[in-house]
Amino acid sequence: MVSRSQSTIRQAAREAPNGNVSVVFAIITSVALFAVLFPWFPGGQQLEVGTRVDSDIVAPRDLTYESEVLTAETRDAAANAIDDVLVLDPEIRDRQVEELNRILSEISSERADATKSASAKETAIQAIAGTDLTADAAGTLIGVEEDVWLTMQEEARDALSRTLTGAVSPTDLDAARA
């Protein structure tokens, strides 16, 4: 028979938590968590150039690279985007007015030449450098009266001076020539 002190010890052992059971339970729990959480198949997707991915891939740090080719293209595009600036040059106006005065003076001298016939005067006026006159236009210049001719000269000088005083943009160039 078992003595009372031995039965009390057995009962106390049954009631007291067993340290071995706790350690075994902790080990089993750790192994189970490790098996569930460990990535057995890392990387899920094989990535190659051109492959579509389900989500964005974010780099661990920012990196900047300055492309010389793209920088040159951007500079060229910016330079081409600037419109030409037309500068009014008063010397051009002065040269053109001088040229008009030369042409008008030659036409006046041909008109005043009494030794030539009307057709010779027309031919001489058409031959003046810097003009592009038809035979009808040359005939009209010869046939107008002197006061009309003086008015035509003043109007031509005034129109040329007004036209060349303002800046002419490339879009208005054809209209200014007409």
Protein backbone atom coordinates (compact mmCIF):
# COMPACT_ATOMS: atom_id res chain seq x y z
CA MET A 1 0.00 0.00 0.00
CA VAL A 2 0.87 3.48 -0.64
CA SER A 3 1.39 5.74 2.18
CA ARG A 4 -0.42 8.93 2.54
CA SER A 5 2.54 11.03 1.83
CA GLN A 6 3.10 9.27 -1.51
CA SER A 7 -0.54 9.70 -2.59
CA THR A 8 -0.35 13.38 -1.72
CA ILE A 9 2.75 13.72 -3.85
CA ARG A 10 1.05 11.99 -6.78
CA GLN A 11 -1.98 14.16 -6.45
CA ALA A 12 0.16 17.25 -6.24
CA ALA A 13 2.03 16.14 -9.38
CA ARG A 14 -1.25 15.72 -11.25
CA GLU A 15 -2.45 19.14 -10.22
CA ALA A 16 0.86 20.98 -10.87
CA PRO A 17 1.51 22.06 -14.49
CA ASN A 18 4.01 19.92 -16.24
CA GLY A 19 6.97 21.90 -17.67
CA ASN A 20 7.64 19.30 -20.35
CA VAL A 21 4.15 19.55 -21.78
CA SER A 22 4.44 23.34 -22.02
CA VAL A 23 7.77 23.11 -23.85
CA VAL A 24 6.44 20.50 -26.29
CA PHE A 25 3.32 22.59 -26.94
CA ALA A 26 5.47 25.69 -27.62
CA ILE A 27 7.70 23.75 -30.05
CA ILE A 28 4.71 22.32 -31.95
CA THR A 29 3.10 25.77 -32.18
CA SER A 30 6.36 27.32 -33.44
CA VAL A 31 6.85 24.63 -36.10
CA ALA A 32 3.23 25.00 -37.27
CA LEU A 33 3.51 28.80 -37.54
CA PHE A 34 6.84 28.51 -39.37
CA ALA A 35 5.37 26.02 -41.85
CA VAL A 36 2.36 28.24 -42.54
CA LEU A 37 4.20 31.56 -42.78
CA PHE A 38 7.43 30.50 -44.54
CA PRO A 39 7.45 31.41 -48.24
CA TRP A 40 8.02 27.96 -49.71
CA PHE A 41 7.70 29.30 -53.30
CA PRO A 42 9.40 32.69 -53.30
CA GLY A 43 8.82 35.21 -56.08
CA GLY A 44 5.45 33.92 -57.26
CA GLN A 45 6.07 35.37 -60.76
CA GLN A 46 9.03 35.12 -63.03
CA LEU A 47 9.70 38.65 -64.30
CA GLU A 48 11.10 39.30 -67.76
CA VAL A 49 11.18 42.36 -69.99
CA GLY A 50 7.71 42.92 -71.45
CA THR A 51 5.90 40.67 -68.98
CA ARG A 52 2.73 42.14 -67.49
CA VAL A 53 2.53 42.23 -63.72
CA ASP A 54 -0.45 42.35 -61.38
CA SER A 55 0.79 45.30 -59.32
CA ASP A 56 3.39 48.03 -59.49
CA ILE A 57 6.94 47.14 -58.65
CA VAL A 58 8.45 49.86 -56.50
CA ALA A 59 12.19 50.36 -56.28
CA PRO A 60 13.67 50.42 -52.80
CA ARG A 61 15.28 53.84 -53.47
CA ASP A 62 15.00 56.68 -55.98
CA LEU A 63 17.50 56.91 -58.78
CA THR A 64 17.89 59.73 -61.28
CA TYR A 65 19.57 59.48 -64.65
CA GLU A 66 20.05 62.41 -67.00
CA SER A 67 19.79 61.23 -70.58
CA GLU A 68 21.91 63.29 -72.97
CA VAL A 69 19.74 62.26 -75.92
CA LEU A 70 16.45 63.24 -74.26
CA THR A 71 18.00 66.47 -72.98
CA ALA A 72 19.15 67.37 -76.50
CA GLU A 73 15.70 66.55 -77.93
CA THR A 74 14.02 68.70 -75.28
CA ARG A 75 16.39 71.60 -76.00
CA ASP A 76 15.75 71.31 -79.74
CA ALA A 77 11.99 71.21 -79.21
CA ALA A 78 12.15 74.27 -76.95
CA ALA A 79 14.30 76.14 -79.49
CA ASN A 80 11.92 75.26 -82.32
CA ALA A 81 8.90 76.34 -80.27
CA ILE A 82 10.10 79.94 -80.19
CA ASP A 83 8.67 82.03 -83.01
CA ASP A 84 10.99 84.15 -85.10
CA VAL A 85 11.23 87.71 -83.88
CA LEU A 86 11.03 90.20 -86.69
CA VAL A 87 12.98 93.35 -86.01
CA LEU A 88 12.09 96.54 -87.82
CA ASP A 89 15.19 97.75 -89.64
CA PRO A 90 14.83 101.40 -90.72
CA GLU A 91 17.74 101.01 -93.16
CA ILE A 92 15.64 98.64 -95.25
CA ARG A 93 12.87 101.21 -95.50
CA ASP A 94 15.36 103.92 -96.47
CA ARG A 95 16.95 101.71 -99.18
CA GLN A 96 13.56 100.79 -100.61
CA VAL A 97 12.41 104.43 -100.67
CA GLU A 98 15.69 105.36 -102.43
CA GLU A 99 15.09 102.56 -104.96
CA LEU A 100 11.53 103.81 -105.56
CA ASN A 101 12.83 107.37 -106.03
CA ARG A 102 15.38 106.08 -108.56
CA ILE A 103 12.69 104.21 -110.52
CA LEU A 104 10.29 107.17 -110.43
CA SER A 105 13.09 109.51 -111.54
CA GLU A 106 13.92 107.28 -114.51
CA ILE A 107 10.24 107.06 -115.47
CA SER A 108 9.97 110.86 -115.21
CA SER A 109 13.01 111.32 -117.45
CA GLU A 110 11.57 108.88 -120.01
CA ARG A 111 8.23 110.72 -119.89
CA ALA A 112 10.01 114.05 -120.48
CA ASP A 113 12.16 112.79 -123.39
CA ALA A 114 10.63 114.43 -126.45
CA THR A 115 12.94 112.63 -128.88
CA LYS A 116 11.35 109.19 -128.35
CA SER A 117 8.06 107.87 -129.62
CA ALA A 118 5.38 106.53 -127.26
CA SER A 119 6.29 102.88 -127.97
CA ALA A 120 10.00 103.62 -127.43
CA LYS A 121 9.14 105.24 -124.10
CA GLU A 122 7.05 102.16 -123.12
CA THR A 123 9.94 99.85 -123.97
CA ALA A 124 12.41 102.05 -122.07
CA ILE A 125 10.15 102.14 -118.98
CA GLN A 126 9.72 98.36 -119.07
CA ALA A 127 13.51 97.97 -119.25
CA ILE A 128 14.13 99.97 -116.05
CA ALA A 129 15.91 97.74 -113.50
CA GLY A 130 13.75 96.81 -110.53
CA THR A 131 10.43 97.07 -112.36
CA ASP A 132 8.07 94.43 -113.67
CA LEU A 133 5.64 96.49 -115.71
CA THR A 134 3.37 95.30 -118.50
CA ALA A 135 3.09 97.23 -121.77
CA ASP A 136 -0.33 98.53 -120.68
CA ALA A 137 1.06 99.79 -117.35
CA ALA A 138 3.99 101.48 -119.10
CA GLY A 139 1.58 103.07 -121.60
CA THR A 140 -0.57 104.36 -118.74
CA LEU A 141 2.47 105.92 -117.03
CA ILE A 142 3.38 107.70 -120.26
CA GLY A 143 -0.15 108.86 -121.04
CA VAL A 144 -1.18 110.39 -117.69
CA GLU A 145 -1.09 114.14 -117.25
CA GLU A 146 1.73 115.74 -115.26
CA ASP A 147 -0.35 116.64 -112.18
CA VAL A 148 -1.72 113.06 -112.02
CA TRP A 149 1.84 111.73 -112.42
CA LEU A 150 3.03 113.88 -109.48
CA THR A 151 0.12 112.61 -107.35
CA MET A 152 0.96 109.01 -108.30
CA GLN A 153 4.58 109.54 -107.23
CA GLU A 154 3.57 110.99 -103.85
CA GLU A 155 1.05 108.18 -103.24
CA ALA A 156 3.64 105.52 -104.13
CA ARG A 157 6.22 107.03 -101.75
CA ASP A 158 3.64 107.39 -98.98
CA ALA A 159 2.32 103.83 -99.40
CA LEU A 160 5.82 102.33 -99.42
CA SER A 161 6.89 104.35 -96.40
CA ARG A 162 3.76 103.38 -94.42
CA THR A 163 4.11 99.73 -95.37
CA LEU A 164 7.76 99.52 -94.36
CA THR A 165 7.34 101.53 -91.16
CA GLY A 166 5.38 98.74 -89.44
CA ALA A 167 6.66 95.22 -88.87
CA VAL A 168 5.39 92.60 -91.30
CA SER A 169 4.98 89.09 -89.91
CA PRO A 170 5.55 86.04 -92.12
CA THR A 171 1.80 85.38 -92.21
CA ASP A 172 1.14 88.93 -93.45
CA LEU A 173 3.91 88.90 -96.05
CA ASP A 174 1.74 87.82 -98.99
CA ALA A 175 -0.91 90.40 -98.12
CA ALA A 176 1.73 93.14 -97.88
CA ARG A 177 3.12 92.21 -101.30
CA ALA A 178 -0.32 92.38 -102.94
